[in-house]
C-alpha cells in the first residue's frame, strides 16, 4: 500500500536516478534533442570511460574513511607515457607493454599504499606528493613532446581508441546493430532476474522489503533506461569496445563490494576502524589493498586514455582525479566513509558526463562548466552531511 513515508523513502533511495533523468530531460530541451542523438550517446561512453574506471577504484579509497587519491591523474599520464615510449621508441611488443604498464601502475599504488597503511601518513599528503612527482616524471620521460601510437592498431583497437572500435554485429543488421539490441535485451532480462532473486532471498531471510510498487517502478525504470540506451547505441555503430572494459570493471567491483568478505571490510573500516580492528580484521591491509587497487585501475585508465587519443602527452590526465572524486560523492558515497555503491558511483559519473556534454552542446564557456561542476559537487556533499545530522543545517557549539 502506498503511503507518504514509503513514497519519501523511495524518492530518497533513488534520488540520483531521478536527478539524472531530470538533467537529461533539461539538456534534451535546451539542445533541441541533440544530446540524445545516437552519436552523442556513444561519445558519452567513450569520452568518460576513464571516469568510470577511476571512480570505481576511488570508491574503495573513500569507503575506508573518506580518503581520496589525488595522484591518479598523474599516474594515468605516467603509465601512458611509459607504455607509448616502450611500444614506439623501443619496439616492445604490445602485449609485453600492456603487462609492464599494469605492473607499473600497481607498484605505484602499492608504494603509496605502504606509506598510507603501515606508516600512517595521511593519504592526502602521500597522494599529493604522488600527483606532483608522477606529473614531473611524465614530462621527463616524454621530454615535453607528444608520442603518437596511431600505427599501434592492435593496442588502439583493444582499448577502444580507433574509429572502428565497436563490437562487430554478428547478425548483420543494416540500419540497426542487432548485436547491440540483443545485448541490451539480455542485460535487462538478467537485471530483472537478479532483482527478483535478491528480493526473494531477503524475504526468506526476514529482511524488511521495499513496497512492491516501489520495487516494480524501479525495475521498470531501469529496464527502460537499459533498452533506450541499447537502442541509441544500435542506431550508431553498436557497442564501443571501451564499454566492454567499463562493464567488466563495474561488474567485478560491484560484486566484490556487495557480495564478498573483502568488500565488507572496506565498509567496516570506514564505519568504525577501531571496532573493525578489535574484531580481528587487519585494517592496515585494507588500506593497502584500496590504494594498490587504485594504482591498478589507474594503469587501465592510462591505457584507455592513450588509446582514445592515439598518443601520449605530458598534459594527459589533468583533473582526472577530480572527475573521479566528484563522481563518487555525487553518486552517494559518504564524505565520512563507510557508505557508497558501485552502481551509485556509475550514476554519478554518467551525471557528470551528461552535464559536460550538455553544456558543451549549448556552447557554455569551459570556465563556467567548471563552476557548475563545482556547485553540483558541493551540493552533493552538503546533502550527504546535512542528511546524516537529521536535517540540521548548522551545528551549534
Protein backbone atom coordinates (compact mmCIF):
# COMPACT_ATOMS: atom_id res chain seq x y z
CA UNK A 1 0.00 0.00 0.00
CA UNK A 2 1.36 3.41 -1.00
CA UNK A 3 1.75 5.97 1.82
CA UNK A 4 3.66 9.18 2.43
CA UNK A 5 6.58 7.54 4.24
CA UNK A 6 7.08 4.87 1.59
CA UNK A 7 6.99 7.49 -1.17
CA UNK A 8 9.55 9.65 0.64
CA UNK A 9 11.71 6.59 1.25
CA UNK A 10 11.54 5.65 -2.41
CA UNK A 11 12.47 9.18 -3.51
CA UNK A 12 15.38 9.36 -1.06
CA UNK A 13 16.72 5.95 -2.06
CA UNK A 14 16.58 6.73 -5.79
CA UNK A 15 17.49 10.41 -5.67
CA UNK A 16 20.42 10.11 -8.05
CA UNK A 17 18.49 8.25 -10.75
CA UNK A 18 15.68 10.81 -10.54
CA UNK A 19 18.20 13.66 -10.76
CA UNK A 20 19.86 12.02 -13.77
CA UNK A 21 16.53 11.73 -15.58
CA UNK A 22 15.74 15.40 -14.81
CA UNK A 23 19.18 16.57 -16.01
CA UNK A 24 18.91 14.56 -19.25
CA UNK A 25 15.42 15.97 -19.86
CA UNK A 26 16.69 19.52 -19.23
CA UNK A 27 19.61 19.25 -21.64
CA UNK A 28 17.44 17.48 -24.18
CA UNK A 29 15.14 20.51 -24.08
CA UNK A 30 17.96 23.08 -24.15
CA UNK A 31 19.85 21.35 -27.00
CA UNK A 32 16.79 20.53 -29.10
CA UNK A 33 17.31 16.82 -28.51
CA UNK A 34 20.94 16.88 -29.71
CA UNK A 35 22.24 15.31 -26.51
CA UNK A 36 20.16 12.19 -27.24
CA UNK A 37 21.49 11.71 -30.76
CA UNK A 38 23.00 8.21 -31.13
CA UNK A 39 26.47 9.59 -31.85
CA UNK A 40 26.43 11.73 -28.70
CA UNK A 41 25.23 8.83 -26.54
CA UNK A 42 28.11 6.74 -27.87
CA UNK A 43 30.57 9.60 -27.30
CA UNK A 44 29.33 9.93 -23.72
CA UNK A 45 30.65 6.43 -23.04
CA UNK A 46 33.91 6.77 -24.98
CA UNK A 47 34.84 10.18 -23.56
CA UNK A 48 34.06 9.26 -19.96
CA UNK A 49 35.34 5.67 -19.85
CA UNK A 50 38.33 6.73 -17.76
CA UNK A 51 35.97 8.34 -15.22
CA UNK A 52 34.00 5.11 -14.76
CA UNK A 53 37.21 3.13 -14.19
CA UNK A 54 38.89 5.61 -11.85
CA UNK A 55 35.72 6.36 -9.88
CA UNK A 56 35.23 2.65 -9.18
CA UNK A 57 38.70 2.46 -7.65
CA UNK A 58 38.28 5.79 -5.86
CA UNK A 59 35.16 4.43 -4.16
CA UNK A 60 37.22 1.83 -2.30
CA UNK A 61 39.55 4.55 -1.01
CA UNK A 62 36.62 6.73 0.07
CA UNK A 63 34.90 3.83 1.81
CA UNK A 64 37.86 3.47 4.18
CA UNK A 65 37.01 6.78 5.84
CA UNK A 66 36.51 9.49 3.24
CA UNK A 67 40.10 9.13 2.00
CA UNK A 68 40.97 10.09 -1.59
CA UNK A 69 43.80 9.60 -4.08
CA UNK A 70 44.97 12.84 -5.68
CA UNK A 71 47.66 11.15 -7.77
CA UNK A 72 45.53 9.12 -10.19
CA UNK A 73 45.58 11.70 -13.00
CA UNK A 74 49.37 11.89 -12.89
CA UNK A 75 49.67 8.09 -12.68
CA UNK A 76 47.41 7.79 -15.74
CA UNK A 77 49.75 10.16 -17.61
CA UNK A 78 52.94 8.45 -16.43
CA UNK A 79 51.76 4.91 -17.21
CA UNK A 80 50.55 6.04 -20.64
CA UNK A 81 53.83 7.81 -21.33
CA UNK A 82 55.92 4.76 -20.42
CA UNK A 83 53.72 2.46 -22.48
CA UNK A 84 53.85 4.69 -25.55
CA UNK A 85 57.63 5.02 -25.32
CA UNK A 86 58.08 1.26 -24.93
CA UNK A 87 55.96 0.49 -27.99
CA UNK A 88 57.20 3.30 -30.25
CA UNK A 89 60.81 4.05 -29.29
CA UNK A 90 61.93 0.63 -28.07
CA UNK A 91 59.80 -1.67 -30.21
CA UNK A 92 58.44 -3.61 -27.25
CA UNK A 93 55.58 -5.94 -28.30
CA UNK A 94 52.12 -4.63 -27.45
CA UNK A 95 51.25 -7.44 -25.02
CA UNK A 96 54.53 -7.04 -23.15
CA UNK A 97 54.00 -3.28 -22.94
CA UNK A 98 50.49 -3.83 -21.53
CA UNK A 99 51.83 -6.13 -18.80
CA UNK A 100 54.57 -3.62 -17.94
CA UNK A 101 52.04 -0.77 -17.73
CA UNK A 102 49.79 -2.78 -15.41
CA UNK A 103 52.77 -3.67 -13.21
CA UNK A 104 53.95 -0.05 -13.04
CA UNK A 105 50.51 1.24 -12.04
CA UNK A 106 50.04 -1.50 -9.44
CA UNK A 107 53.52 -0.92 -7.98
CA UNK A 108 52.86 2.81 -7.73
CA UNK A 109 49.62 2.06 -5.89
CA UNK A 110 51.41 -0.37 -3.58
CA UNK A 111 54.19 2.16 -2.92
CA UNK A 112 51.71 4.83 -1.89
CA UNK A 113 49.60 2.29 -0.04
CA UNK A 114 52.60 1.28 2.08
CA UNK A 115 53.09 4.81 3.43
CA UNK A 116 49.37 5.26 3.99
CA UNK A 117 48.59 1.87 5.52
CA UNK A 118 51.67 0.92 7.52
CA UNK A 119 53.43 4.23 8.25
CA UNK A 120 50.07 6.02 8.58
CA UNK A 121 51.00 9.15 6.69
CA UNK A 122 47.72 10.92 5.73
CA UNK A 123 46.50 9.84 2.26
CA UNK A 124 46.10 13.46 1.22
CA UNK A 125 49.84 14.12 1.75
CA UNK A 126 51.09 10.89 0.16
CA UNK A 127 48.91 11.18 -2.94
CA UNK A 128 49.55 14.92 -3.28
CA UNK A 129 53.27 14.08 -3.39
CA UNK A 130 52.48 11.39 -5.96
CA UNK A 131 50.48 13.83 -8.06
CA UNK A 132 53.45 16.21 -8.26
CA UNK A 133 56.12 13.53 -8.67
CA UNK A 134 54.49 11.48 -11.42
CA UNK A 135 53.41 14.54 -13.35
CA UNK A 136 57.04 15.65 -13.32
CA UNK A 137 58.28 12.17 -14.30
CA UNK A 138 55.81 12.15 -17.21
CA UNK A 139 57.36 15.37 -18.51
CA UNK A 140 60.86 13.98 -18.05
CA UNK A 141 60.04 10.70 -19.80
CA UNK A 142 58.37 12.38 -22.78
CA UNK A 143 60.79 15.31 -22.79
CA UNK A 144 57.77 17.58 -23.16
CA UNK A 145 56.85 16.03 -26.52
CA UNK A 146 53.94 14.04 -27.93
CA UNK A 147 54.44 10.38 -28.83
CA UNK A 148 51.97 9.08 -31.42
CA UNK A 149 50.73 5.47 -31.29
CA UNK A 150 48.40 5.65 -34.30
CA UNK A 151 50.23 2.80 -36.03
CA UNK A 152 49.86 0.54 -32.97
CA UNK A 153 46.47 -0.60 -34.19
CA UNK A 154 46.31 -3.72 -32.01
CA UNK A 155 46.66 -1.66 -28.85
CA UNK A 156 44.39 1.14 -30.06
CA UNK A 157 41.63 -1.23 -31.13
CA UNK A 158 41.90 -3.34 -27.98
CA UNK A 159 41.33 -0.36 -25.69
CA UNK A 160 38.73 1.35 -27.85
CA UNK A 161 40.61 4.22 -29.44
CA UNK A 162 40.03 3.74 -33.15
CA UNK A 163 37.14 4.95 -35.31
CA UNK A 164 36.06 1.34 -35.85
CA UNK A 165 36.44 0.19 -32.24
CA UNK A 166 32.98 -1.30 -31.94
CA UNK A 167 31.77 -4.82 -31.33
CA UNK A 168 31.06 -6.43 -34.71
CA UNK A 169 27.39 -7.11 -35.49
CA UNK A 170 27.28 -10.90 -35.81
CA UNK A 171 23.66 -10.74 -37.01
CA UNK A 172 24.46 -8.49 -39.97
CA UNK A 173 22.00 -5.68 -39.23
CA UNK A 174 21.75 -2.82 -41.71
CA UNK A 175 20.18 0.26 -40.11
CA UNK A 176 20.42 -1.12 -36.57
CA UNK A 177 23.18 -3.05 -34.84
CA UNK A 178 21.25 -6.17 -33.87
CA UNK A 179 24.03 -7.50 -31.63
CA UNK A 180 23.79 -4.32 -29.57
CA UNK A 181 20.00 -4.62 -29.32
CA UNK A 182 20.24 -8.28 -28.29
CA UNK A 183 22.85 -7.36 -25.69
CA UNK A 184 20.54 -4.71 -24.24
CA UNK A 185 17.61 -7.13 -24.03
CA UNK A 186 19.83 -9.78 -22.43
CA UNK A 187 21.19 -7.27 -19.89
CA UNK A 188 17.67 -6.10 -18.98
CA UNK A 189 16.49 -9.70 -18.58
CA UNK A 190 19.43 -10.60 -16.34
CA UNK A 191 18.82 -7.49 -14.23
CA UNK A 192 15.16 -8.36 -13.71
CA UNK A 193 16.04 -11.94 -12.76
CA UNK A 194 18.74 -10.88 -10.30
CA UNK A 195 16.48 -8.29 -8.67
CA UNK A 196 13.66 -10.81 -8.23
CA UNK A 197 16.04 -13.43 -6.80
CA UNK A 198 17.54 -10.84 -4.44
CA UNK A 199 14.10 -9.81 -3.21
CA UNK A 200 13.10 -13.45 -2.68
CA UNK A 201 16.30 -14.12 -0.72
CA UNK A 202 15.71 -11.08 1.51
CA UNK A 203 12.12 -12.14 2.16
CA UNK A 204 13.27 -15.65 3.11
CA UNK A 205 15.85 -14.16 5.50
CA UNK A 206 13.27 -11.95 7.17
CA UNK A 207 14.57 -8.57 5.98
CA UNK A 208 12.28 -5.58 5.59
CA UNK A 209 11.37 -5.14 1.92
CA UNK A 210 10.53 -2.01 -0.01
CA UNK A 211 6.87 -1.80 -1.14
CA UNK A 212 6.07 -3.86 -4.21
CA UNK A 213 5.02 -0.75 -6.13
CA UNK A 214 8.41 0.86 -5.45
CA UNK A 215 10.22 -2.31 -6.45
CA UNK A 216 8.20 -2.55 -9.67
CA UNK A 217 8.63 1.14 -10.51
CA UNK A 218 12.39 0.93 -10.04
CA UNK A 219 12.60 -2.19 -12.15
CA UNK A 220 10.54 -0.70 -14.98
CA UNK A 221 12.64 2.46 -14.95
CA UNK A 222 15.95 0.56 -15.05
CA UNK A 223 14.77 -1.73 -17.87
CA UNK A 224 13.53 1.27 -19.86
CA UNK A 225 16.88 3.05 -19.42
CA UNK A 226 18.88 -0.03 -20.49
CA UNK A 227 16.74 -0.67 -23.56
CA UNK A 228 16.73 3.01 -24.60
CA UNK A 229 20.50 3.14 -24.17
CA UNK A 230 21.00 -0.03 -26.23
CA UNK A 231 18.68 1.28 -28.96
CA UNK A 232 20.60 4.55 -29.22
CA UNK A 233 23.93 2.73 -29.48
CA UNK A 234 22.45 0.36 -32.07
CA UNK A 235 21.48 3.36 -34.21
CA UNK A 236 25.12 4.50 -34.34
CA UNK A 237 27.77 1.78 -34.64
CA UNK A 238 26.84 -0.52 -31.80
CA UNK A 239 28.72 -1.28 -28.59
CA UNK A 240 32.02 0.66 -28.22
CA UNK A 241 34.93 -1.65 -27.37
CA UNK A 242 35.85 0.51 -24.41
CA UNK A 243 32.37 -0.06 -22.98
CA UNK A 244 33.28 -3.73 -22.55
CA UNK A 245 36.20 -2.72 -20.32
CA UNK A 246 33.93 -0.44 -18.29
CA UNK A 247 31.31 -3.17 -17.97
CA UNK A 248 33.89 -5.71 -16.78
CA UNK A 249 35.23 -3.32 -14.13
CA UNK A 250 31.75 -2.38 -12.91
CA UNK A 251 30.52 -5.98 -12.68
CA UNK A 252 33.66 -7.28 -10.92
CA UNK A 253 33.88 -4.46 -8.39
CA UNK A 254 30.13 -4.33 -7.91
CA UNK A 255 30.26 -8.00 -6.95
CA UNK A 256 33.32 -7.55 -4.72
CA UNK A 257 31.83 -4.67 -2.73
CA UNK A 258 28.40 -6.23 -2.25
CA UNK A 259 28.98 -9.99 -2.09
CA UNK A 260 32.42 -10.70 -0.67
CA UNK A 261 34.05 -10.62 2.75
CA UNK A 262 36.85 -8.38 1.46
CA UNK A 263 34.28 -5.92 0.14
CA UNK A 264 32.58 -5.74 3.54
CA UNK A 265 35.95 -4.94 5.14
CA UNK A 266 36.10 -1.61 3.28
CA UNK A 267 32.70 -0.62 4.66
CA UNK A 268 33.63 -1.81 8.14
CA UNK A 269 36.84 0.24 8.25
CA UNK A 270 35.00 3.34 7.10
CA UNK A 271 32.18 2.78 9.56
CA UNK A 272 34.33 2.27 12.65
CA UNK A 273 38.01 1.44 12.27
CA UNK A 274 38.63 0.77 15.97
CA UNK A 275 35.76 -1.70 16.21
CA UNK A 276 36.89 -3.35 12.98
CA UNK A 277 40.42 -3.77 14.34
CA UNK A 278 39.10 -5.21 17.61
CA UNK A 279 37.08 -7.77 15.63
CA UNK A 280 40.33 -9.19 14.27
CA UNK A 281 40.48 -7.54 10.83
CA UNK A 282 43.86 -6.18 9.75
CA UNK A 283 42.85 -2.62 8.84
CA UNK A 284 46.34 -1.84 7.56
CA UNK A 285 45.91 -4.43 4.83
CA UNK A 286 42.53 -2.96 3.90
CA UNK A 287 44.08 0.47 3.34
CA UNK A 288 46.97 -1.08 1.44
CA UNK A 289 44.62 -3.05 -0.80
CA UNK A 290 42.49 0.03 -1.55
CA UNK A 291 45.44 2.09 -2.80
CA UNK A 292 47.19 -0.77 -4.57
CA UNK A 293 43.95 -1.43 -6.44
CA UNK A 294 43.69 2.28 -7.25
CA UNK A 295 47.09 2.11 -8.93
CA UNK A 296 46.00 -0.93 -10.94
CA UNK A 297 42.85 0.80 -12.21
CA UNK A 298 44.83 3.98 -12.93
CA UNK A 299 47.03 1.88 -15.22
CA UNK A 300 43.94 0.59 -17.04
CA UNK A 301 42.62 4.15 -17.33
CA UNK A 302 46.02 5.21 -18.70
CA UNK A 303 45.82 2.61 -21.45
CA UNK A 304 42.25 3.64 -22.29
CA UNK A 305 43.31 7.29 -22.43
CA UNK A 306 46.25 6.94 -24.79
CA UNK A 307 44.28 4.52 -26.98
CA UNK A 308 41.41 7.00 -27.35
CA UNK A 309 43.74 9.91 -28.09
CA UNK A 310 46.20 7.68 -30.06
CA UNK A 311 49.14 9.42 -28.39
CA UNK A 312 50.82 10.21 -25.09
CA UNK A 313 51.37 13.76 -23.86
CA UNK A 314 52.68 15.28 -20.60
CA UNK A 315 49.32 17.05 -20.09
CA UNK A 316 47.11 13.94 -20.20
CA UNK A 317 45.23 13.06 -17.03
CA UNK A 318 44.85 16.58 -15.70
CA UNK A 319 41.86 16.86 -13.35
CA UNK A 320 41.06 13.15 -13.79
CA UNK A 321 41.27 12.73 -10.03
CA UNK A 322 38.69 15.47 -9.56
CA UNK A 323 36.30 13.81 -12.01
CA UNK A 324 36.66 10.50 -10.14
CA UNK A 325 36.23 12.04 -6.69
CA UNK A 326 33.29 14.14 -7.85
CA UNK A 327 31.56 11.10 -9.38
CA UNK A 328 31.86 9.20 -6.09
CA UNK A 329 30.41 11.93 -3.90
CA UNK A 330 27.70 12.88 -6.40
CA UNK A 331 26.88 9.18 -6.67
CA UNK A 332 26.10 8.88 -2.98
CA UNK A 333 29.43 7.96 -1.38
CA UNK A 334 29.73 9.45 2.10
CA UNK A 335 32.39 12.07 2.82
CA UNK A 336 32.98 10.22 6.10
CA UNK A 337 33.42 6.78 4.53
CA UNK A 338 31.56 3.52 5.01
CA UNK A 339 28.73 4.35 2.58
CA UNK A 340 28.62 4.09 -1.21
CA UNK A 341 27.98 1.62 -4.01
CA UNK A 342 29.49 0.96 -7.43
CA UNK A 343 26.13 1.47 -9.24
CA UNK A 344 25.73 4.79 -7.41
CA UNK A 345 29.19 5.90 -8.47
CA UNK A 346 28.43 4.99 -12.10
CA UNK A 347 25.23 7.05 -11.96
CA UNK A 348 27.28 9.93 -10.57
CA UNK A 349 29.84 9.56 -13.36
CA UNK A 350 27.09 9.49 -16.01
CA UNK A 351 25.54 12.59 -14.45
CA UNK A 352 28.89 14.40 -14.63
CA UNK A 353 29.32 13.27 -18.24
CA UNK A 354 25.82 14.43 -19.21
CA UNK A 355 26.46 17.83 -17.62
CA UNK A 356 29.77 18.17 -19.51
CA UNK A 357 28.28 17.08 -22.83
CA UNK A 358 25.10 19.12 -22.40
CA UNK A 359 26.95 22.33 -21.58
CA UNK A 360 29.38 21.77 -24.47
CA UNK A 361 26.48 21.34 -26.91
CA UNK A 362 24.91 24.51 -25.51
CA UNK A 363 28.17 26.38 -26.10
CA UNK A 364 28.74 27.17 -22.42
CA UNK A 365 32.20 28.57 -21.67
CA UNK A 366 34.67 25.99 -20.34
CA UNK A 367 35.29 28.04 -17.21
CA UNK A 368 31.58 28.22 -16.44
CA UNK A 369 31.41 24.46 -16.89
CA UNK A 370 33.89 24.11 -14.04
CA UNK A 371 31.78 26.44 -11.90
CA UNK A 372 28.68 24.31 -12.49
CA UNK A 373 30.53 21.05 -11.77
CA UNK A 374 31.94 22.53 -8.57
CA UNK A 375 28.49 23.66 -7.46
CA UNK A 376 27.00 20.22 -8.17
CA UNK A 377 29.77 18.53 -6.16
CA UNK A 378 29.36 20.89 -3.20
CA UNK A 379 25.58 20.41 -3.24
CA UNK A 380 26.00 16.63 -3.19
CA UNK A 381 28.35 16.72 -0.18
CA UNK A 382 26.14 19.24 1.67
CA UNK A 383 23.16 16.93 1.14
CA UNK A 384 25.15 13.97 2.49
CA UNK A 385 26.42 15.82 5.59
CA UNK A 386 23.14 17.51 6.47
CA UNK A 387 21.07 14.35 5.98
CA UNK A 388 23.35 12.47 8.40
CA UNK A 389 22.67 15.16 11.02
CA UNK A 390 18.96 14.59 10.77
CA UNK A 391 18.38 17.66 8.63
CA UNK A 392 20.25 20.13 10.86
CA UNK A 393 21.95 22.59 8.54
CA UNK A 394 24.03 24.50 11.10
CA UNK A 395 25.85 22.86 14.01
CA UNK A 396 25.77 24.75 17.30
CA UNK A 397 28.74 24.64 19.64
